[in-house]
Amino acid sequence: MPETIHEKSYHLLRLLVANHPFVDANKRTALNTTAVFYFLNGYRFEYDDEIRTILKQFGTDETASHTEETVEYFRSHTEELDLAGEIEAWRNELIQYGIEQLTGGSSDPND
């Protein structure tokens, strides 16, 4: 039974890729789902090109992947984040964007 966030992410990614639930885009969906899973649990997942090898292994031969190596990859490519702070920053950016759209980018309400 997976215990850590990284073990859970490993299984989430592996199952979505290996089980081929969609006709197309299983790897892309699995990768994005894993990134969102991390975010919702207070982590930022910043992967690099090595993730392609991992995804390919899951897609072609699930038994070829090495659990501990993949979990370590996840561990080394994630960082904890201040989720409340991230949401607040997005909220402020969204409000600013809305104001700019309503005013046409002008800060003068009389325009």
Protein backbone atom coordinates (compact mmCIF):
# COMPACT_ATOMS: atom_id res chain seq x y z
CA MET A 1 0.00 0.00 0.00
CA PRO A 2 1.54 3.36 -1.00
CA GLU A 3 2.24 5.58 1.98
CA THR A 4 4.06 8.68 0.79
CA ILE A 5 2.84 11.28 -1.68
CA HIS A 6 5.60 10.14 -4.04
CA GLU A 7 4.57 6.47 -3.87
CA LYS A 8 0.97 7.47 -4.53
CA SER A 9 2.07 9.59 -7.49
CA TYR A 10 4.08 6.68 -8.85
CA HIS A 11 1.03 4.41 -8.81
CA LEU A 12 -1.26 7.10 -10.24
CA LEU A 13 1.08 7.70 -13.17
CA ARG A 14 1.77 4.00 -13.72
CA LEU A 15 -1.87 2.94 -13.67
CA LEU A 16 -3.04 5.70 -16.01
CA VAL A 17 -0.33 4.91 -18.55
CA ALA A 18 -0.27 1.11 -18.29
CA ASN A 19 -4.03 0.56 -18.28
CA HIS A 20 -4.58 2.69 -21.42
CA PRO A 21 -7.98 4.07 -20.35
CA PHE A 22 -8.17 6.36 -23.41
CA VAL A 23 -7.75 5.80 -27.12
CA ASP A 24 -5.03 8.46 -27.25
CA ALA A 25 -3.05 10.76 -24.92
CA ASN A 26 -2.72 8.34 -21.98
CA LYS A 27 0.83 9.45 -21.14
CA ARG A 28 0.03 13.15 -21.47
CA THR A 29 -3.12 12.74 -19.34
CA ALA A 30 -1.22 10.73 -16.73
CA LEU A 31 1.55 13.34 -16.51
CA ASN A 32 -0.87 16.25 -16.16
CA THR A 33 -3.00 14.35 -13.65
CA THR A 34 0.11 13.62 -11.57
CA ALA A 35 1.13 17.31 -11.63
CA VAL A 36 -2.37 18.33 -10.49
CA PHE A 37 -2.38 15.60 -7.81
CA TYR A 38 0.88 16.99 -6.45
CA PHE A 39 -0.43 20.56 -6.55
CA LEU A 40 -3.63 19.66 -4.71
CA ASN A 41 -1.47 18.07 -2.04
CA GLY A 42 0.79 21.10 -1.65
CA TYR A 43 3.68 20.24 -3.97
CA ARG A 44 5.02 21.55 -7.25
CA PHE A 45 6.15 18.83 -9.65
CA GLU A 46 8.71 20.09 -12.14
CA TYR A 47 9.68 17.24 -14.43
CA ASP A 48 12.38 17.15 -17.08
CA ASP A 49 13.09 15.02 -20.16
CA GLU A 50 13.73 11.94 -18.01
CA ILE A 51 9.97 11.66 -17.49
CA ARG A 52 9.65 10.57 -21.14
CA THR A 53 11.69 7.45 -20.39
CA ILE A 54 9.54 6.67 -17.37
CA LEU A 55 6.32 7.14 -19.34
CA LYS A 56 7.62 5.01 -22.19
CA GLN A 57 8.50 2.20 -19.77
CA PHE A 58 5.02 2.26 -18.27
CA GLY A 59 3.46 2.29 -21.73
CA THR A 60 5.47 -0.56 -23.21
CA ASP A 61 6.57 -2.81 -20.36
CA GLU A 62 5.21 -1.93 -16.96
CA THR A 63 7.48 -4.49 -15.29
CA ALA A 64 10.59 -2.77 -16.69
CA SER A 65 10.09 0.28 -14.48
CA HIS A 66 11.92 0.45 -11.20
CA THR A 67 9.65 1.57 -8.41
CA GLU A 68 12.30 2.98 -6.08
CA GLU A 69 14.10 4.84 -8.88
CA THR A 70 10.85 6.38 -10.08
CA VAL A 71 9.76 7.33 -6.55
CA GLU A 72 13.18 8.93 -6.05
CA TYR A 73 12.74 10.81 -9.33
CA PHE A 74 9.43 12.19 -8.04
CA ARG A 75 11.01 13.09 -4.70
CA SER A 76 13.85 14.97 -6.37
CA HIS A 77 11.55 16.84 -8.80
CA THR A 78 9.00 18.14 -6.31
CA GLU A 79 9.03 20.91 -3.79
CA GLU A 80 6.57 21.82 -1.13
CA LEU A 81 4.67 25.00 -1.80
CA ASP A 82 2.51 27.39 0.12
CA LEU A 83 -0.81 26.39 -1.39
CA ALA A 84 -2.74 29.20 0.29
CA GLY A 85 -0.16 31.70 -0.98
CA GLU A 86 -0.33 30.27 -4.51
CA ILE A 87 -4.12 30.52 -4.53
CA GLU A 88 -4.00 34.09 -3.18
CA ALA A 89 -1.52 35.10 -5.89
CA TRP A 90 -3.74 33.56 -8.59
CA ARG A 91 -6.77 35.29 -7.09
CA ASN A 92 -5.02 38.66 -7.22
CA GLU A 93 -3.87 38.06 -10.80
CA LEU A 94 -7.38 37.05 -11.83
CA ILE A 95 -8.88 40.17 -10.24
CA GLN A 96 -6.29 42.35 -11.99
CA TYR A 97 -6.99 40.63 -15.30
CA GLY A 98 -10.75 41.17 -14.84
CA ILE A 99 -10.25 44.85 -14.08
CA GLU A 100 -8.07 45.27 -17.15
CA GLN A 101 -10.65 43.55 -19.33
CA LEU A 102 -13.48 45.70 -17.98
CA THR A 103 -11.56 48.96 -18.31
CA GLY A 104 -9.72 48.17 -21.53
CA GLY A 105 -6.41 48.41 -19.69
CA SER A 106 -7.07 51.97 -18.51
CA SER A 107 -6.75 52.80 -14.84
CA ASP A 108 -8.92 55.90 -15.28
CA PRO A 109 -12.59 54.95 -14.62
CA ASN A 110 -13.79 57.91 -16.74
CA ASP A 111 -12.30 56.48 -19.96
